[in-house]
Amino acid sequence: MSAAAPIDTPVWFGPLREPEWLLPRVRDDAPTIVFGAEQWHEPGVDGDGRDLRSGVPLYLAEAARFGTNARSLALRDVVDPHDPPGQGVVTVRSAVAPDGRPSVRLRVFDTQGASLDEIVRDARDAASLGDALGGLLHAVTQASASNGVRPIWNSLYSLPAGAALTSYVRGSHAVRRLSDDALPDTAHADALSERRADVRTVLTSLGALATSAPESFPALLFFGALAAAADARSSVVGEFRLQANARCMTATDPLDPVYSMAMLVMALFGDRAAAERRAEALRATGDERVIRWVARVRGEG
């Protein structure tokens, strides 16, 4: 495994100030699945390919957290295909074809490191790739059933299909980049300009996805990207205020994750009155986890 600590929550969770009530509880005796990206037979993918390659384990770990009984982890770094899988955990290694073909391969290993299955999905374009990506968790769950992994149903978790899911998977790694790769103000001007352009591209893509998809989780990914960019003091965040507000206003139910996360987004853009109205509605739910989160967003805890 990678020496760096694996990621044990969705990429939007930290930037959105850890809304713990959105995550299913994991039993102490739950099986563990470790997802990691590896190279295909040859090295080398372009920038778009890197976001897809590194986004697949992040997406699968998130999907497994909501869709199985397992504890799911995602490795931060791309691993060598020849590195042995971990012991005591189910290991899933994913790779993306390096020559531009939208092909994804998964290798699944049991808790002893023995191979359980190899899953390859070829696709013609972003839409068919998204359909292929949408079926990967089911294939992993079936392959690892003998190691105690079982499917579960979660009423909150729903993602778009087709090309929109491909964008979500790529966006998952892009949000991680916004969180992990911030540049200091003293960096070279060219590097800062390139960084601003990258942040703008990521937010544009995720904003378009969030406002076109009715599901909640693309909005959470967009909001997480906004919060991560704001935490890194990116100057481009303000450009996306209208787009963010448009998505916030579509959520009117305090039980909708978009409604609650909109409180943070409104506060981020300085709309304190609207944020406070959301805060009052959220406190009225009586859920202590929600109340603690509201206090964190308001800087009270």
Protein backbone atom coordinates (compact mmCIF):
# COMPACT_ATOMS: atom_id res chain seq x y z
CA MET A 1 0.00 0.00 0.00
CA SER A 2 0.94 3.64 -0.31
CA ALA A 3 2.88 5.07 2.62
CA ALA A 4 0.53 8.08 2.68
CA ALA A 5 -2.57 7.70 4.81
CA PRO A 6 -5.49 6.47 2.69
CA ILE A 7 -8.62 8.55 2.20
CA ASP A 8 -11.52 7.22 4.27
CA THR A 9 -14.26 9.73 3.42
CA PRO A 10 -15.63 11.24 0.18
CA VAL A 11 -13.50 14.05 -1.24
CA TRP A 12 -16.23 16.63 -0.53
CA PHE A 13 -16.50 15.66 3.15
CA GLY A 14 -13.52 17.62 4.50
CA PRO A 15 -14.07 20.85 2.54
CA LEU A 16 -17.74 20.80 3.57
CA ARG A 17 -16.72 20.80 7.24
CA GLU A 18 -17.36 17.09 7.87
CA PRO A 19 -21.14 16.64 7.74
CA GLU A 20 -20.95 13.30 9.51
CA TRP A 21 -24.69 12.60 9.44
CA LEU A 22 -24.52 12.16 5.67
CA LEU A 23 -22.21 9.14 5.97
CA PRO A 24 -23.54 5.67 6.81
CA ARG A 25 -22.17 4.19 10.01
CA VAL A 26 -19.65 1.39 9.58
CA ARG A 27 -19.63 -1.58 11.95
CA ASP A 28 -16.44 -2.31 13.86
CA ASP A 29 -16.32 -5.80 12.33
CA ALA A 30 -16.99 -4.62 8.78
CA PRO A 31 -14.77 -5.98 5.99
CA THR A 32 -12.36 -3.44 4.51
CA ILE A 33 -11.93 -2.71 0.81
CA VAL A 34 -8.90 -0.72 -0.31
CA PHE A 35 -9.21 0.91 -3.74
CA GLY A 36 -6.14 2.09 -5.58
CA ALA A 37 -5.14 3.24 -9.05
CA GLU A 38 -2.38 1.48 -10.96
CA GLN A 39 -0.80 1.92 -14.37
CA TRP A 40 -2.06 -0.02 -17.36
CA HIS A 41 0.49 -2.20 -19.16
CA GLU A 42 2.35 0.93 -20.28
CA PRO A 43 2.78 4.21 -18.39
CA GLY A 44 1.47 7.55 -19.53
CA VAL A 45 -1.94 9.19 -19.56
CA ASP A 46 -2.72 12.85 -20.22
CA GLY A 47 -4.21 15.31 -17.72
CA ASP A 48 -7.80 14.29 -18.44
CA GLY A 49 -6.75 10.66 -18.19
CA ARG A 50 -5.02 11.25 -14.87
CA ASP A 51 -8.21 12.68 -13.36
CA LEU A 52 -10.09 9.61 -14.62
CA ARG A 53 -7.43 7.15 -13.45
CA SER A 54 -7.16 8.66 -9.98
CA GLY A 55 -10.88 9.42 -9.83
CA VAL A 56 -12.00 5.80 -10.24
CA PRO A 57 -10.77 4.61 -6.79
CA LEU A 58 -12.17 7.74 -5.13
CA TYR A 59 -15.54 7.15 -6.79
CA LEU A 60 -15.57 3.44 -5.98
CA ALA A 61 -14.61 4.06 -2.35
CA GLU A 62 -17.44 6.59 -2.03
CA ALA A 63 -19.91 4.27 -3.75
CA ALA A 64 -18.83 1.36 -1.53
CA ARG A 65 -19.28 3.50 1.60
CA PHE A 66 -22.90 4.17 0.65
CA GLY A 67 -23.66 0.96 -1.23
CA THR A 68 -22.02 -1.86 0.77
CA ASN A 69 -21.46 -2.94 4.36
CA ALA A 70 -17.69 -2.46 3.96
CA ARG A 71 -15.25 0.07 5.32
CA SER A 72 -13.81 1.62 2.17
CA LEU A 73 -10.46 3.35 1.69
CA ALA A 74 -8.85 4.99 -1.34
CA LEU A 75 -5.08 5.17 -1.75
CA ARG A 76 -3.69 8.61 -2.51
CA ASP A 77 -0.96 7.55 -4.93
CA VAL A 78 -0.83 5.44 -8.07
CA VAL A 79 0.70 2.06 -7.21
CA ASP A 80 2.99 -0.18 -9.21
CA PRO A 81 1.04 -3.09 -10.76
CA HIS A 82 3.68 -5.47 -9.39
CA ASP A 83 3.28 -4.33 -5.77
CA PRO A 84 1.61 -7.08 -3.71
CA PRO A 85 -1.94 -6.38 -2.50
CA GLY A 86 -2.53 -5.75 1.19
CA GLN A 87 -3.17 -8.54 3.68
CA GLY A 88 -6.38 -8.69 5.68
CA VAL A 89 -8.29 -6.44 3.31
CA VAL A 90 -10.01 -6.80 -0.04
CA THR A 91 -7.88 -4.93 -2.58
CA VAL A 92 -9.24 -3.42 -5.79
CA ARG A 93 -6.72 -2.06 -8.29
CA SER A 94 -8.09 0.04 -11.14
CA ALA A 95 -6.31 1.14 -14.32
CA VAL A 96 -7.23 3.33 -17.27
CA ALA A 97 -5.95 2.65 -20.80
CA PRO A 98 -3.16 5.13 -21.63
CA ASP A 99 -3.79 5.67 -25.33
CA GLY A 100 -7.02 7.60 -25.05
CA ARG A 101 -9.40 4.65 -25.30
CA PRO A 102 -12.07 4.87 -22.57
CA SER A 103 -11.23 1.47 -21.11
CA VAL A 104 -11.09 0.61 -17.41
CA ARG A 105 -9.68 -2.51 -15.77
CA LEU A 106 -10.23 -3.69 -12.20
CA ARG A 107 -8.23 -6.41 -10.46
CA VAL A 108 -9.83 -7.71 -7.26
CA PHE A 109 -7.82 -9.58 -4.60
CA ASP A 110 -9.04 -11.33 -1.47
CA THR A 111 -7.80 -10.81 2.10
CA GLN A 112 -4.93 -13.24 1.50
CA GLY A 113 -3.79 -11.44 -1.64
CA ALA A 114 -5.14 -14.08 -4.05
CA SER A 115 -6.82 -12.93 -7.24
CA LEU A 116 -10.63 -13.01 -7.16
CA ASP A 117 -11.48 -11.46 -10.51
CA GLU A 118 -10.30 -9.20 -13.33
CA ILE A 119 -12.95 -6.91 -14.76
CA VAL A 120 -12.43 -4.99 -18.01
CA ARG A 121 -14.92 -2.52 -19.42
CA ASP A 122 -14.44 -1.01 -22.88
CA ALA A 123 -16.46 1.98 -23.99
CA ARG A 124 -16.83 4.07 -27.13
CA ASP A 125 -17.25 7.50 -25.54
CA ALA A 126 -17.93 9.37 -22.29
CA ALA A 127 -21.56 8.23 -22.19
CA SER A 128 -20.84 4.52 -22.56
CA LEU A 129 -17.88 4.89 -20.20
CA GLY A 130 -20.22 6.34 -17.60
CA ASP A 131 -22.55 3.38 -18.01
CA ALA A 132 -19.59 1.05 -17.54
CA LEU A 133 -18.41 2.93 -14.45
CA GLY A 134 -21.90 2.71 -12.99
CA GLY A 135 -21.74 -1.09 -12.98
CA LEU A 136 -18.30 -1.47 -11.39
CA LEU A 137 -19.37 -1.49 -7.75
CA HIS A 138 -21.82 -4.32 -8.40
CA ALA A 139 -19.03 -6.32 -10.04
CA VAL A 140 -16.68 -5.65 -7.10
CA THR A 141 -19.36 -6.60 -4.57
CA GLN A 142 -20.06 -9.87 -6.37
CA ALA A 143 -16.36 -10.69 -6.65
CA SER A 144 -15.71 -10.03 -2.95
CA ALA A 145 -18.88 -11.62 -1.51
CA SER A 146 -16.85 -14.54 -0.15
CA ASN A 147 -14.94 -12.02 1.97
CA GLY A 148 -18.08 -10.72 3.65
CA VAL A 149 -18.87 -7.76 1.37
CA ARG A 150 -22.61 -7.29 0.94
CA PRO A 151 -24.68 -4.68 -0.93
CA ILE A 152 -26.84 -2.29 1.09
CA TRP A 153 -29.33 0.37 0.04
CA ASN A 154 -28.94 4.02 0.98
CA SER A 155 -31.82 6.41 0.37
CA LEU A 156 -29.56 9.45 -0.05
CA TYR A 157 -27.00 8.13 -2.49
CA SER A 158 -27.80 8.58 -6.14
CA LEU A 159 -25.58 9.58 -9.04
CA PRO A 160 -26.33 10.47 -12.66
CA ALA A 161 -25.59 8.00 -15.45
CA GLY A 162 -23.75 8.17 -18.75
CA ALA A 163 -21.43 11.07 -19.54
CA ALA A 164 -22.49 12.88 -16.35
CA LEU A 165 -21.13 10.03 -14.24
CA THR A 166 -17.85 10.15 -16.15
CA SER A 167 -17.66 13.86 -15.31
CA TYR A 168 -18.39 13.07 -11.65
CA VAL A 169 -15.59 10.51 -11.49
CA ARG A 170 -13.08 12.86 -13.09
CA GLY A 171 -14.32 15.65 -10.85
CA SER A 172 -13.70 13.59 -7.72
CA HIS A 173 -9.96 13.65 -8.34
CA ALA A 174 -10.10 17.28 -9.45
CA VAL A 175 -11.61 18.24 -6.07
CA ARG A 176 -8.86 16.32 -4.32
CA ARG A 177 -6.31 18.32 -6.31
CA LEU A 178 -7.94 21.57 -5.19
CA SER A 179 -7.69 20.40 -1.57
CA ASP A 180 -4.16 18.98 -1.68
CA ASP A 181 -2.23 21.05 -4.23
CA ALA A 182 -2.72 24.66 -3.16
CA LEU A 183 0.13 27.02 -4.05
CA PRO A 184 1.58 29.64 -1.67
CA ASP A 185 1.13 33.30 -2.58
CA THR A 186 4.89 33.48 -3.09
CA ALA A 187 4.82 30.98 -5.97
CA HIS A 188 5.95 32.11 -9.43
CA ALA A 189 3.40 34.22 -11.30
CA ASP A 190 3.15 31.72 -14.15
CA ALA A 191 2.43 28.90 -11.71
CA LEU A 192 -0.24 30.97 -9.98
CA SER A 193 -1.83 31.84 -13.33
CA GLU A 194 -1.86 28.20 -14.38
CA ARG A 195 -3.38 27.28 -11.03
CA ARG A 196 -6.17 29.86 -11.42
CA ALA A 197 -6.95 28.50 -14.87
CA ASP A 198 -7.11 24.95 -13.50
CA VAL A 199 -9.41 25.95 -10.63
CA ARG A 200 -11.67 27.83 -13.05
CA THR A 201 -11.85 24.81 -15.37
CA VAL A 202 -12.69 22.46 -12.50
CA LEU A 203 -15.38 24.73 -11.05
CA THR A 204 -16.88 25.37 -14.49
CA SER A 205 -17.18 21.65 -15.18
CA LEU A 206 -18.55 20.75 -11.74
CA GLY A 207 -20.93 23.71 -11.73
CA ALA A 208 -22.38 22.63 -15.06
CA LEU A 209 -22.78 19.10 -13.74
CA ALA A 210 -24.40 20.22 -10.48
CA THR A 211 -26.95 22.47 -12.19
CA SER A 212 -27.88 19.95 -14.87
CA ALA A 213 -28.17 16.83 -12.69
CA PRO A 214 -31.13 16.50 -10.31
CA GLU A 215 -29.21 14.21 -7.94
CA SER A 216 -27.76 15.69 -4.75
CA PHE A 217 -24.20 14.36 -4.88
CA PRO A 218 -22.98 16.27 -7.95
CA ALA A 219 -24.01 19.41 -6.04
CA LEU A 220 -22.06 18.23 -2.99
CA LEU A 221 -19.01 17.72 -5.20
CA PHE A 222 -19.39 21.23 -6.67
CA PHE A 223 -19.89 22.78 -3.24
CA GLY A 224 -16.89 20.85 -1.92
CA ALA A 225 -14.79 22.18 -4.79
CA LEU A 226 -15.94 25.75 -4.05
CA ALA A 227 -15.10 25.37 -0.36
CA ALA A 228 -11.70 23.81 -1.11
CA ALA A 229 -10.87 26.62 -3.54
CA ALA A 230 -12.04 29.24 -1.05
CA ASP A 231 -9.93 27.65 1.70
CA ALA A 232 -6.96 27.91 -0.66
CA ARG A 233 -7.87 31.62 -1.18
CA SER A 234 -8.48 31.22 -4.87
CA SER A 235 -9.51 34.46 -6.53
CA VAL A 236 -11.84 32.78 -9.02
CA VAL A 237 -14.41 31.47 -6.52
CA GLY A 238 -16.55 34.61 -6.76
CA GLU A 239 -17.14 33.96 -10.45
CA PHE A 240 -19.39 31.03 -9.54
CA ARG A 241 -21.70 32.75 -7.06
CA LEU A 242 -24.75 32.89 -9.33
CA GLN A 243 -24.34 29.28 -10.41
CA ALA A 244 -23.98 28.11 -6.81
CA ASN A 245 -26.96 30.17 -5.66
CA ALA A 246 -29.10 28.73 -8.45
CA ARG A 247 -28.40 25.20 -7.21
CA CYS A 248 -28.88 26.20 -3.57
CA MET A 249 -32.33 27.64 -4.26
CA THR A 250 -33.62 24.40 -5.77
CA ALA A 251 -33.34 22.68 -2.36
CA THR A 252 -36.18 23.51 0.04
CA ASP A 253 -36.28 20.45 2.31
CA PRO A 254 -33.96 20.53 5.38
CA LEU A 255 -33.50 16.78 4.96
CA ASP A 256 -32.01 17.30 1.50
CA PRO A 257 -28.17 17.31 1.70
CA VAL A 258 -28.09 20.19 -0.78
CA TYR A 259 -30.27 22.29 1.54
CA SER A 260 -27.90 21.85 4.47
CA MET A 261 -24.69 22.32 2.48
CA ALA A 262 -26.21 25.44 0.92
CA MET A 263 -25.85 27.08 4.34
CA LEU A 264 -22.07 26.79 4.02
CA VAL A 265 -22.09 28.01 0.42
CA MET A 266 -24.23 31.03 1.31
CA ALA A 267 -21.89 31.88 4.18
CA LEU A 268 -18.90 31.43 1.87
CA PHE A 269 -20.31 34.09 -0.48
CA GLY A 270 -21.19 36.43 2.38
CA ASP A 271 -24.97 35.97 2.24
CA ARG A 272 -25.26 35.84 6.01
CA ALA A 273 -29.00 36.41 6.27
CA ALA A 274 -29.85 33.49 3.96
CA ALA A 275 -27.25 31.30 5.68
CA GLU A 276 -28.75 32.09 9.07
CA ARG A 277 -32.25 31.17 7.88
CA ARG A 278 -30.90 27.80 6.78
CA ALA A 279 -29.07 27.42 10.08
CA GLU A 280 -32.28 27.97 12.05
CA ALA A 281 -34.11 25.35 9.99
CA LEU A 282 -31.27 22.87 10.44
CA ARG A 283 -31.09 23.39 14.20
CA ALA A 284 -34.84 22.77 14.33
CA THR A 285 -34.30 19.20 13.09
CA GLY A 286 -32.98 18.36 16.57
CA ASP A 287 -30.19 16.16 15.16
CA GLU A 288 -27.15 16.77 17.36
CA ARG A 289 -24.76 15.95 14.53
CA VAL A 290 -26.41 18.57 12.33
CA ILE A 291 -26.40 21.11 15.15
CA ARG A 292 -22.67 20.54 15.75
CA TRP A 293 -22.00 20.99 12.03
CA VAL A 294 -23.95 24.26 11.97
CA ALA A 295 -21.83 25.49 14.87
CA ARG A 296 -18.64 24.60 12.99
CA VAL A 297 -19.76 26.46 9.89
CA ARG A 298 -20.64 29.50 12.04
CA GLY A 299 -17.23 29.30 13.72
CA GLU A 300 -18.65 28.33 17.10
CA GLY A 301 -17.02 24.92 17.47
